Amino acid sequence: MKLIAKAFLLIFLCVTGSHLFAFGNLTADKVRTLFSGNTTEGERREGIPPGLGPPNMTENYVEEFKIFFAENGTAKIKIGDKRGTGKWSVTDSGELCLKWKEKKKRCAPVYKSGKVYKRATKRRMGRVRQELVFIRFAPGNVHDL
């Protein structure tokens, strides 16, 4: 009987695992409220943890950013000395979508992790492509982006 219960639990977790992962994601309304009309400051992380990939693989790097999410769906970003414009939206399932000039539109869920909010886009095989860590929020375009 215990073996059947363990087998059932294993099958249940395999089938519902992706849904359980989404449990901590913010709702669409919460994402809109959090970002709309606000400037965020944070870090853009990309790459893989050091030592986990081939010797020639790019390892993790971090860039600080500032993004203003206008209420009309436009976005303005500053990373280092570079500035850019784009569009932002939120899907019904709560994914924050960003489309920067000449880049592909990418959507990903937003979740809270301690005192910060995170959004991680993934590659086809499920590995994290890029993670945005939103550390501070302020109303309006406080950095004149």
C-alpha atoms as a PDB file:
ATOM      1  CA  MET A   1       0.000   0.000   0.000  1.00  0.00           C
ATOM      2  CA  LYS A   2       2.835   2.425   0.852  1.00  0.00           C
ATOM      3  CA  LEU A   3       4.423   1.738  -2.531  1.00  0.00           C
ATOM      4  CA  ILE A   4       1.173   2.634  -4.325  1.00  0.00           C
ATOM      5  CA  ALA A   5       0.864   5.856  -2.316  1.00  0.00           C
ATOM      6  CA  LYS A   6       4.455   6.844  -3.157  1.00  0.00           C
ATOM      7  CA  ALA A   7       3.921   6.038  -6.836  1.00  0.00           C
ATOM      8  CA  PHE A   8       0.733   8.133  -6.892  1.00  0.00           C
ATOM      9  CA  LEU A   9       2.528  11.047  -5.217  1.00  0.00           C
ATOM     10  CA  LEU A  10       5.382  10.851  -7.712  1.00  0.00           C
ATOM     11  CA  ILE A  11       2.986  10.845 -10.687  1.00  0.00           C
ATOM     12  CA  PHE A  12       0.982  13.709  -9.168  1.00  0.00           C
ATOM     13  CA  LEU A  13       4.114  15.856  -8.718  1.00  0.00           C
ATOM     14  CA  CYS A  14       5.305  15.123 -12.263  1.00  0.00           C
ATOM     15  CA  VAL A  15       1.956  16.100 -13.767  1.00  0.00           C
ATOM     16  CA  THR A  16       1.332  19.212 -11.652  1.00  0.00           C
ATOM     17  CA  GLY A  17       4.907  20.351 -11.057  1.00  0.00           C
ATOM     18  CA  SER A  18       4.780  23.269 -13.496  1.00  0.00           C
ATOM     19  CA  HIS A  19       1.550  24.515 -11.918  1.00  0.00           C
ATOM     20  CA  LEU A  20       3.038  24.325  -8.432  1.00  0.00           C
ATOM     21  CA  PHE A  21       6.020  26.405  -9.613  1.00  0.00           C
ATOM     22  CA  ALA A  22       3.627  29.207 -10.598  1.00  0.00           C
ATOM     23  CA  PHE A  23       2.057  29.317  -7.127  1.00  0.00           C
ATOM     24  CA  GLY A  24       4.169  32.283  -5.964  1.00  0.00           C
ATOM     25  CA  ASN A  25       3.664  34.390  -9.105  1.00  0.00           C
ATOM     26  CA  LEU A  26       1.847  37.707  -8.788  1.00  0.00           C
ATOM     27  CA  THR A  27      -1.592  38.197 -10.315  1.00  0.00           C
ATOM     28  CA  ALA A  28      -2.078  40.414 -13.365  1.00  0.00           C
ATOM     29  CA  ASP A  29      -3.706  43.138 -11.246  1.00  0.00           C
ATOM     30  CA  LYS A  30      -0.831  43.118  -8.738  1.00  0.00           C
ATOM     31  CA  VAL A  31       1.778  43.351 -11.536  1.00  0.00           C
ATOM     32  CA  ARG A  32      -0.060  46.279 -13.191  1.00  0.00           C
ATOM     33  CA  THR A  33      -0.371  48.102  -9.851  1.00  0.00           C
ATOM     34  CA  LEU A  34       3.272  47.497  -8.971  1.00  0.00           C
ATOM     35  CA  PHE A  35       4.739  48.782 -12.264  1.00  0.00           C
ATOM     36  CA  SER A  36       2.253  51.204 -13.878  1.00  0.00           C
ATOM     37  CA  GLY A  37       3.399  54.818 -13.543  1.00  0.00           C
ATOM     38  CA  ASN A  38       6.455  53.847 -11.501  1.00  0.00           C
ATOM     39  CA  THR A  39      10.218  53.851 -11.905  1.00  0.00           C
ATOM     40  CA  THR A  40      12.071  50.723 -10.847  1.00  0.00           C
ATOM     41  CA  GLU A  41      15.725  50.334  -9.994  1.00  0.00           C
ATOM     42  CA  GLY A  42      17.412  46.994  -9.979  1.00  0.00           C
ATOM     43  CA  GLU A  43      19.839  44.537 -11.497  1.00  0.00           C
ATOM     44  CA  ARG A  44      19.854  42.631 -14.767  1.00  0.00           C
ATOM     45  CA  ARG A  45      21.556  39.262 -14.374  1.00  0.00           C
ATOM     46  CA  GLU A  46      22.526  37.091 -17.288  1.00  0.00           C
ATOM     47  CA  GLY A  47      24.693  34.057 -17.916  1.00  0.00           C
ATOM     48  CA  ILE A  48      25.239  30.928 -15.857  1.00  0.00           C
ATOM     49  CA  PRO A  49      26.679  30.391 -12.397  1.00  0.00           C
ATOM     50  CA  PRO A  50      30.488  30.224 -12.530  1.00  0.00           C
ATOM     51  CA  GLY A  51      31.859  26.729 -13.057  1.00  0.00           C
ATOM     52  CA  LEU A  52      28.628  25.116 -14.304  1.00  0.00           C
ATOM     53  CA  GLY A  53      29.182  25.523 -18.027  1.00  0.00           C
ATOM     54  CA  PRO A  54      31.876  24.823 -20.583  1.00  0.00           C
ATOM     55  CA  PRO A  55      35.155  26.754 -20.151  1.00  0.00           C
ATOM     56  CA  ASN A  56      34.258  29.221 -22.952  1.00  0.00           C
ATOM     57  CA  MET A  57      30.704  29.907 -21.645  1.00  0.00           C
ATOM     58  CA  THR A  58      29.860  33.423 -20.460  1.00  0.00           C
ATOM     59  CA  GLU A  59      29.563  33.469 -16.695  1.00  0.00           C
ATOM     60  CA  ASN A  60      27.150  35.568 -14.677  1.00  0.00           C
ATOM     61  CA  TYR A  61      27.317  39.299 -14.960  1.00  0.00           C
ATOM     62  CA  VAL A  62      25.194  41.998 -13.392  1.00  0.00           C
ATOM     63  CA  GLU A  63      24.197  45.413 -14.726  1.00  0.00           C
ATOM     64  CA  GLU A  64      22.242  48.017 -12.800  1.00  0.00           C
ATOM     65  CA  PHE A  65      19.186  49.450 -14.521  1.00  0.00           C
ATOM     66  CA  LYS A  66      16.405  52.009 -14.130  1.00  0.00           C
ATOM     67  CA  ILE A  67      13.092  51.569 -15.956  1.00  0.00           C
ATOM     68  CA  PHE A  68      10.105  53.902 -16.061  1.00  0.00           C
ATOM     69  CA  PHE A  69       6.837  52.070 -16.805  1.00  0.00           C
ATOM     70  CA  ALA A  70       4.464  54.742 -18.164  1.00  0.00           C
ATOM     71  CA  GLU A  71       0.738  54.191 -17.697  1.00  0.00           C
ATOM     72  CA  ASN A  72       0.230  54.258 -21.495  1.00  0.00           C
ATOM     73  CA  GLY A  73       2.361  51.113 -21.985  1.00  0.00           C
ATOM     74  CA  THR A  74       5.617  52.754 -23.000  1.00  0.00           C
ATOM     75  CA  ALA A  75       8.833  52.037 -21.118  1.00  0.00           C
ATOM     76  CA  LYS A  76      12.098  53.936 -20.848  1.00  0.00           C
ATOM     77  CA  ILE A  77      15.274  52.260 -19.658  1.00  0.00           C
ATOM     78  CA  LYS A  78      18.765  53.301 -18.640  1.00  0.00           C
ATOM     79  CA  ILE A  79      21.556  50.737 -18.241  1.00  0.00           C
ATOM     80  CA  GLY A  80      24.911  52.362 -17.574  1.00  0.00           C
ATOM     81  CA  ASP A  81      25.177  55.231 -20.085  1.00  0.00           C
ATOM     82  CA  LYS A  82      22.764  53.610 -22.560  1.00  0.00           C
ATOM     83  CA  ARG A  83      19.145  54.652 -22.846  1.00  0.00           C
ATOM     84  CA  GLY A  84      16.315  52.956 -24.687  1.00  0.00           C
ATOM     85  CA  THR A  85      12.577  52.956 -25.228  1.00  0.00           C
ATOM     86  CA  GLY A  86      10.088  50.177 -25.611  1.00  0.00           C
ATOM     87  CA  LYS A  87       6.680  48.832 -24.667  1.00  0.00           C
ATOM     88  CA  TRP A  88       5.414  46.947 -21.651  1.00  0.00           C
ATOM     89  CA  SER A  89       2.235  45.008 -20.966  1.00  0.00           C
ATOM     90  CA  VAL A  90       0.816  42.396 -18.622  1.00  0.00           C
ATOM     91  CA  THR A  91      -0.855  39.171 -19.766  1.00  0.00           C
ATOM     92  CA  ASP A  92      -4.053  37.845 -18.195  1.00  0.00           C
ATOM     93  CA  SER A  93      -1.943  35.254 -16.367  1.00  0.00           C
ATOM     94  CA  GLY A  94       0.221  37.996 -14.795  1.00  0.00           C
ATOM     95  CA  GLU A  95       3.310  37.811 -16.995  1.00  0.00           C
ATOM     96  CA  LEU A  96       5.195  41.089 -17.436  1.00  0.00           C
ATOM     97  CA  CYS A  97       6.040  41.540 -21.132  1.00  0.00           C
ATOM     98  CA  LEU A  98       8.827  43.826 -22.340  1.00  0.00           C
ATOM     99  CA  LYS A  99       9.576  44.731 -25.965  1.00  0.00           C
ATOM    100  CA  TRP A 100      12.644  46.904 -26.506  1.00  0.00           C
ATOM    101  CA  LYS A 101      13.456  48.528 -29.845  1.00  0.00           C
ATOM    102  CA  GLU A 102      14.738  45.923 -32.322  1.00  0.00           C
ATOM    103  CA  LYS A 103      14.420  43.134 -29.727  1.00  0.00           C
ATOM    104  CA  LYS A 104      11.959  40.271 -29.410  1.00  0.00           C
ATOM    105  CA  LYS A 105       9.010  40.657 -27.038  1.00  0.00           C
ATOM    106  CA  ARG A 106       9.598  38.522 -23.942  1.00  0.00           C
ATOM    107  CA  CYS A 107       7.077  37.710 -21.234  1.00  0.00           C
ATOM    108  CA  ALA A 108       7.680  36.132 -17.845  1.00  0.00           C
ATOM    109  CA  PRO A 109       5.922  35.922 -14.479  1.00  0.00           C
ATOM    110  CA  VAL A 110       6.861  38.256 -11.642  1.00  0.00           C
ATOM    111  CA  TYR A 111       7.283  36.867  -8.154  1.00  0.00           C
ATOM    112  CA  LYS A 112       8.349  38.219  -4.785  1.00  0.00           C
ATOM    113  CA  SER A 113      11.593  36.953  -3.291  1.00  0.00           C
ATOM    114  CA  GLY A 114      12.220  38.396   0.153  1.00  0.00           C
ATOM    115  CA  LYS A 115      12.220  42.189  -0.182  1.00  0.00           C
ATOM    116  CA  VAL A 116      12.616  42.260  -3.985  1.00  0.00           C
ATOM    117  CA  TYR A 117      10.588  41.253  -7.033  1.00  0.00           C
ATOM    118  CA  LYS A 118      12.025  39.094  -9.794  1.00  0.00           C
ATOM    119  CA  ARG A 119      11.245  38.250 -13.414  1.00  0.00           C
ATOM    120  CA  ALA A 120      13.199  35.512 -15.162  1.00  0.00           C
ATOM    121  CA  THR A 121      12.946  34.665 -18.854  1.00  0.00           C
ATOM    122  CA  LYS A 122      13.947  31.144 -19.808  1.00  0.00           C
ATOM    123  CA  ARG A 123      15.512  29.383 -22.755  1.00  0.00           C
ATOM    124  CA  ARG A 124      13.804  26.511 -24.589  1.00  0.00           C
ATOM    125  CA  MET A 125      15.345  23.883 -22.317  1.00  0.00           C
ATOM    126  CA  GLY A 126      14.147  25.699 -19.191  1.00  0.00           C
ATOM    127  CA  ARG A 127      17.429  27.327 -18.159  1.00  0.00           C
ATOM    128  CA  VAL A 128      17.245  30.961 -17.068  1.00  0.00           C
ATOM    129  CA  ARG A 129      18.171  33.313 -19.913  1.00  0.00           C
ATOM    130  CA  GLN A 130      17.956  36.591 -18.043  1.00  0.00           C
ATOM    131  CA  GLU A 131      16.741  37.677 -14.631  1.00  0.00           C
ATOM    132  CA  LEU A 132      15.565  41.159 -13.701  1.00  0.00           C
ATOM    133  CA  VAL A 133      15.667  41.909  -9.985  1.00  0.00           C
ATOM    134  CA  PHE A 134      13.473  44.900  -9.103  1.00  0.00           C
ATOM    135  CA  ILE A 135      14.906  46.339  -5.877  1.00  0.00           C
ATOM    136  CA  ARG A 136      13.271  49.777  -5.541  1.00  0.00           C
ATOM    137  CA  PHE A 137      10.032  51.348  -6.793  1.00  0.00           C
ATOM    138  CA  ALA A 138       9.212  55.058  -6.886  1.00  0.00           C
ATOM    139  CA  PRO A 139       6.129  56.827  -8.271  1.00  0.00           C
ATOM    140  CA  GLY A 140       6.621  58.768 -11.512  1.00  0.00           C
ATOM    141  CA  ASN A 141       9.639  59.186 -13.774  1.00  0.00           C
ATOM    142  CA  VAL A 142      12.009  60.154 -10.951  1.00  0.00           C
ATOM    143  CA  HIS A 143      15.205  59.874 -13.050  1.00  0.00           C
ATOM    144  CA  ASP A 144      13.825  61.770 -16.067  1.00  0.00           C
ATOM    145  CA  LEU A 145      14.255  58.753 -18.335  1.00  0.00           C
END
